[in-house]
Amino acid sequence: MVSVLVAPHGAHSVKIPKGQSAITPEPGDGYLHELSYMIQCIAAGQAPDLVIGDDGASAVEICEAEGEAIRTGCPVTLQP
């Protein structure tokens, strides 16, 4: 379970459950990394294994929870 609370003016915090670690993004343009990876997968004839459709669905769920937290001013809890 992860709780997301978004405060006014865009400040936010994410509580990471004990035993899990935060992910540090690589520097640079994330979209460029995504496109490069997609092209590599197509060229190799392999399905992507770093990011799958479920990851995209999770990202949308998180964004919707952030919006709800902003509207209500209350933390929103997401189930794993």
N, C-alpha and C. Protein backbone atom coordinates (compact mmCIF):
# COMPACT_ATOMS: atom_id res chain seq x y z
N MET A 1 0.85 -1.18 0.00
CA MET A 1 0.00 0.00 0.00
C MET A 1 0.89 1.23 0.00
N VAL A 2 0.55 2.21 -0.85
CA VAL A 2 1.29 3.46 -0.94
C VAL A 2 0.30 4.59 -0.75
N SER A 3 0.64 5.54 0.11
CA SER A 3 -0.21 6.72 0.31
C SER A 3 0.38 7.90 -0.42
N VAL A 4 -0.47 8.64 -1.10
CA VAL A 4 -0.04 9.83 -1.84
C VAL A 4 -0.81 11.02 -1.29
N LEU A 5 -0.11 12.05 -0.90
CA LEU A 5 -0.75 13.28 -0.44
C LEU A 5 -0.15 14.44 -1.23
N VAL A 6 -1.00 15.16 -1.90
CA VAL A 6 -0.54 16.32 -2.67
C VAL A 6 -1.05 17.57 -1.97
N ALA A 7 -0.12 18.43 -1.61
CA ALA A 7 -0.46 19.66 -0.91
C ALA A 7 -0.68 20.79 -1.93
N PRO A 8 -1.28 21.88 -1.51
CA PRO A 8 -1.45 23.02 -2.43
C PRO A 8 -0.10 23.47 -3.00
N HIS A 9 -0.14 24.06 -4.15
CA HIS A 9 1.03 24.61 -4.83
C HIS A 9 1.97 23.51 -5.33
N GLY A 10 1.48 22.28 -5.52
CA GLY A 10 2.25 21.23 -6.15
C GLY A 10 3.19 20.46 -5.24
N ALA A 11 3.34 20.86 -3.98
CA ALA A 11 4.21 20.09 -3.09
C ALA A 11 3.54 18.75 -2.82
N HIS A 12 4.31 17.69 -2.76
CA HIS A 12 3.72 16.38 -2.53
C HIS A 12 4.67 15.48 -1.76
N SER A 13 4.11 14.43 -1.21
CA SER A 13 4.95 13.44 -0.54
C SER A 13 4.39 12.07 -0.84
N VAL A 14 5.26 11.10 -0.91
CA VAL A 14 4.86 9.72 -1.12
C VAL A 14 5.45 8.90 0.01
N LYS A 15 4.61 8.17 0.72
CA LYS A 15 5.08 7.30 1.79
C LYS A 15 5.38 5.93 1.18
N ILE A 16 6.62 5.50 1.28
CA ILE A 16 7.03 4.21 0.73
C ILE A 16 7.02 3.18 1.86
N PRO A 17 6.32 2.06 1.65
CA PRO A 17 6.25 1.05 2.70
C PRO A 17 7.63 0.57 3.14
N LYS A 18 7.72 0.19 4.41
CA LYS A 18 8.98 -0.30 4.96
C LYS A 18 9.45 -1.50 4.15
N GLY A 19 10.74 -1.55 3.86
CA GLY A 19 11.30 -2.64 3.09
C GLY A 19 11.41 -2.35 1.61
N GLN A 20 10.74 -1.30 1.15
CA GLN A 20 10.85 -0.91 -0.25
C GLN A 20 11.72 0.32 -0.34
N SER A 21 12.32 0.54 -1.50
CA SER A 21 13.17 1.71 -1.66
C SER A 21 12.61 2.62 -2.75
N ALA A 22 12.99 3.85 -2.71
CA ALA A 22 12.58 4.80 -3.74
C ALA A 22 13.41 4.55 -4.99
N ILE A 23 12.87 4.94 -6.13
CA ILE A 23 13.57 4.79 -7.39
C ILE A 23 14.14 6.15 -7.76
N THR A 24 15.42 6.19 -8.07
CA THR A 24 16.07 7.42 -8.51
C THR A 24 16.14 7.42 -10.04
N PRO A 25 15.48 8.37 -10.69
CA PRO A 25 15.49 8.38 -12.16
C PRO A 25 16.86 8.73 -12.71
N GLU A 26 17.14 8.21 -13.90
CA GLU A 26 18.39 8.55 -14.58
C GLU A 26 18.31 9.99 -15.05
N PRO A 27 19.44 10.68 -15.07
CA PRO A 27 19.42 12.06 -15.57
C PRO A 27 19.14 12.07 -17.07
N GLY A 28 18.63 13.16 -17.56
CA GLY A 28 18.38 13.29 -18.99
C GLY A 28 16.90 13.35 -19.30
N ASP A 29 16.60 13.31 -20.56
CA ASP A 29 15.23 13.40 -21.05
C ASP A 29 14.57 12.04 -20.99
N GLY A 30 13.58 11.88 -20.12
CA GLY A 30 12.90 10.60 -19.96
C GLY A 30 12.23 10.13 -21.23
N TYR A 31 11.64 11.05 -21.99
CA TYR A 31 10.98 10.65 -23.23
C TYR A 31 11.99 10.12 -24.23
N LEU A 32 13.16 10.72 -24.28
CA LEU A 32 14.21 10.26 -25.18
C LEU A 32 14.63 8.84 -24.80
N HIS A 33 14.75 8.56 -23.50
CA HIS A 33 15.11 7.21 -23.05
C HIS A 33 14.02 6.21 -23.43
N GLU A 34 12.75 6.61 -23.28
CA GLU A 34 11.63 5.72 -23.64
C GLU A 34 11.64 5.39 -25.12
N LEU A 35 11.79 6.42 -25.95
CA LEU A 35 11.80 6.21 -27.39
C LEU A 35 12.98 5.36 -27.83
N SER A 36 14.14 5.62 -27.25
CA SER A 36 15.33 4.85 -27.57
C SER A 36 15.13 3.38 -27.22
N TYR A 37 14.56 3.12 -26.06
CA TYR A 37 14.31 1.75 -25.63
C TYR A 37 13.31 1.06 -26.55
N MET A 38 12.24 1.78 -26.93
CA MET A 38 11.23 1.22 -27.82
C MET A 38 11.86 0.84 -29.16
N ILE A 39 12.69 1.71 -29.70
CA ILE A 39 13.36 1.44 -30.97
C ILE A 39 14.28 0.23 -30.86
N GLN A 40 15.00 0.12 -29.74
CA GLN A 40 15.87 -1.04 -29.53
C GLN A 40 15.06 -2.33 -29.50
N CYS A 41 13.90 -2.32 -28.85
CA CYS A 41 13.05 -3.51 -28.78
C CYS A 41 12.53 -3.90 -30.15
N ILE A 42 12.09 -2.91 -30.92
CA ILE A 42 11.59 -3.19 -32.27
C ILE A 42 12.71 -3.75 -33.14
N ALA A 43 13.88 -3.13 -33.08
CA ALA A 43 15.00 -3.57 -33.90
C ALA A 43 15.43 -5.00 -33.55
N ALA A 44 15.31 -5.35 -32.27
CA ALA A 44 15.72 -6.69 -31.82
C ALA A 44 14.58 -7.71 -31.94
N GLY A 45 13.37 -7.23 -32.27
CA GLY A 45 12.22 -8.13 -32.37
C GLY A 45 11.80 -8.70 -31.03
N GLN A 46 12.03 -7.93 -29.97
CA GLN A 46 11.71 -8.39 -28.62
C GLN A 46 10.64 -7.51 -27.98
N ALA A 47 9.82 -8.14 -27.17
CA ALA A 47 8.83 -7.38 -26.40
C ALA A 47 9.54 -6.61 -25.29
N PRO A 48 9.06 -5.42 -24.96
CA PRO A 48 9.67 -4.67 -23.86
C PRO A 48 9.51 -5.41 -22.54
N ASP A 49 10.52 -5.33 -21.70
CA ASP A 49 10.42 -5.97 -20.39
C ASP A 49 10.71 -5.01 -19.25
N LEU A 50 11.11 -3.78 -19.57
CA LEU A 50 11.35 -2.79 -18.52
C LEU A 50 10.06 -2.13 -18.08
N VAL A 51 9.22 -1.81 -19.04
CA VAL A 51 7.94 -1.15 -18.75
C VAL A 51 6.88 -1.87 -19.56
N ILE A 52 5.81 -2.28 -18.90
CA ILE A 52 4.72 -2.97 -19.58
C ILE A 52 3.43 -2.19 -19.39
N GLY A 53 2.37 -2.63 -20.02
CA GLY A 53 1.09 -1.92 -19.96
C GLY A 53 0.59 -1.67 -18.55
N ASP A 54 0.82 -2.63 -17.66
CA ASP A 54 0.39 -2.46 -16.27
C ASP A 54 1.07 -1.25 -15.62
N ASP A 55 2.31 -0.98 -16.02
CA ASP A 55 3.02 0.18 -15.47
C ASP A 55 2.33 1.48 -15.89
N GLY A 56 1.89 1.53 -17.14
CA GLY A 56 1.16 2.71 -17.61
C GLY A 56 -0.14 2.89 -16.87
N ALA A 57 -0.85 1.78 -16.64
CA ALA A 57 -2.11 1.85 -15.90
C ALA A 57 -1.87 2.34 -14.47
N SER A 58 -0.78 1.88 -13.87
CA SER A 58 -0.44 2.33 -12.51
C SER A 58 -0.14 3.83 -12.49
N ALA A 59 0.55 4.31 -13.52
CA ALA A 59 0.88 5.74 -13.59
C ALA A 59 -0.39 6.58 -13.67
N VAL A 60 -1.37 6.12 -14.45
CA VAL A 60 -2.64 6.83 -14.56
C VAL A 60 -3.36 6.82 -13.21
N GLU A 61 -3.35 5.66 -12.54
CA GLU A 61 -4.00 5.56 -11.23
C GLU A 61 -3.38 6.54 -10.23
N ILE A 62 -2.06 6.66 -10.25
CA ILE A 62 -1.37 7.58 -9.35
C ILE A 62 -1.75 9.03 -9.66
N CYS A 63 -1.79 9.37 -10.96
CA CYS A 63 -2.17 10.74 -11.35
C CYS A 63 -3.59 11.06 -10.91
N GLU A 64 -4.49 10.09 -11.08
CA GLU A 64 -5.87 10.32 -10.65
C GLU A 64 -5.94 10.49 -9.13
N ALA A 65 -5.15 9.72 -8.39
CA ALA A 65 -5.13 9.85 -6.93
C ALA A 65 -4.58 11.21 -6.52
N GLU A 66 -3.58 11.69 -7.24
CA GLU A 66 -3.05 13.03 -6.94
C GLU A 66 -4.13 14.09 -7.14
N GLY A 67 -4.87 13.96 -8.23
CA GLY A 67 -5.95 14.92 -8.49
C GLY A 67 -7.00 14.89 -7.40
N GLU A 68 -7.36 13.67 -6.97
CA GLU A 68 -8.35 13.55 -5.89
C GLU A 68 -7.82 14.16 -4.59
N ALA A 69 -6.52 13.92 -4.30
CA ALA A 69 -5.92 14.48 -3.08
C ALA A 69 -5.94 16.00 -3.12
N ILE A 70 -5.70 16.56 -4.30
CA ILE A 70 -5.73 18.02 -4.44
C ILE A 70 -7.15 18.53 -4.22
N ARG A 71 -8.14 17.87 -4.84
CA ARG A 71 -9.53 18.31 -4.73
C ARG A 71 -10.06 18.20 -3.31
N THR A 72 -9.71 17.11 -2.63
CA THR A 72 -10.29 16.86 -1.30
C THR A 72 -9.41 17.34 -0.15
N GLY A 73 -8.11 17.51 -0.40
CA GLY A 73 -7.19 17.89 0.66
C GLY A 73 -6.89 16.73 1.60
N CYS A 74 -7.25 15.52 1.20
CA CYS A 74 -7.04 14.33 2.04
C CYS A 74 -6.11 13.34 1.35
N PRO A 75 -5.36 12.57 2.14
CA PRO A 75 -4.51 11.53 1.53
C PRO A 75 -5.37 10.50 0.79
N VAL A 76 -4.83 9.95 -0.27
CA VAL A 76 -5.50 8.90 -1.04
C VAL A 76 -4.61 7.67 -0.97
N THR A 77 -5.18 6.55 -0.57
CA THR A 77 -4.42 5.31 -0.43
C THR A 77 -4.67 4.43 -1.65
N LEU A 78 -3.59 3.98 -2.26
CA LEU A 78 -3.66 3.08 -3.41
C LEU A 78 -3.31 1.67 -2.97
N GLN A 79 -4.04 0.71 -3.46
CA GLN A 79 -3.75 -0.70 -3.17
C GLN A 79 -2.75 -1.22 -4.18
N PRO A 80 -1.86 -2.12 -3.76
CA PRO A 80 -0.88 -2.69 -4.71
C PRO A 80 -1.52 -3.54 -5.77
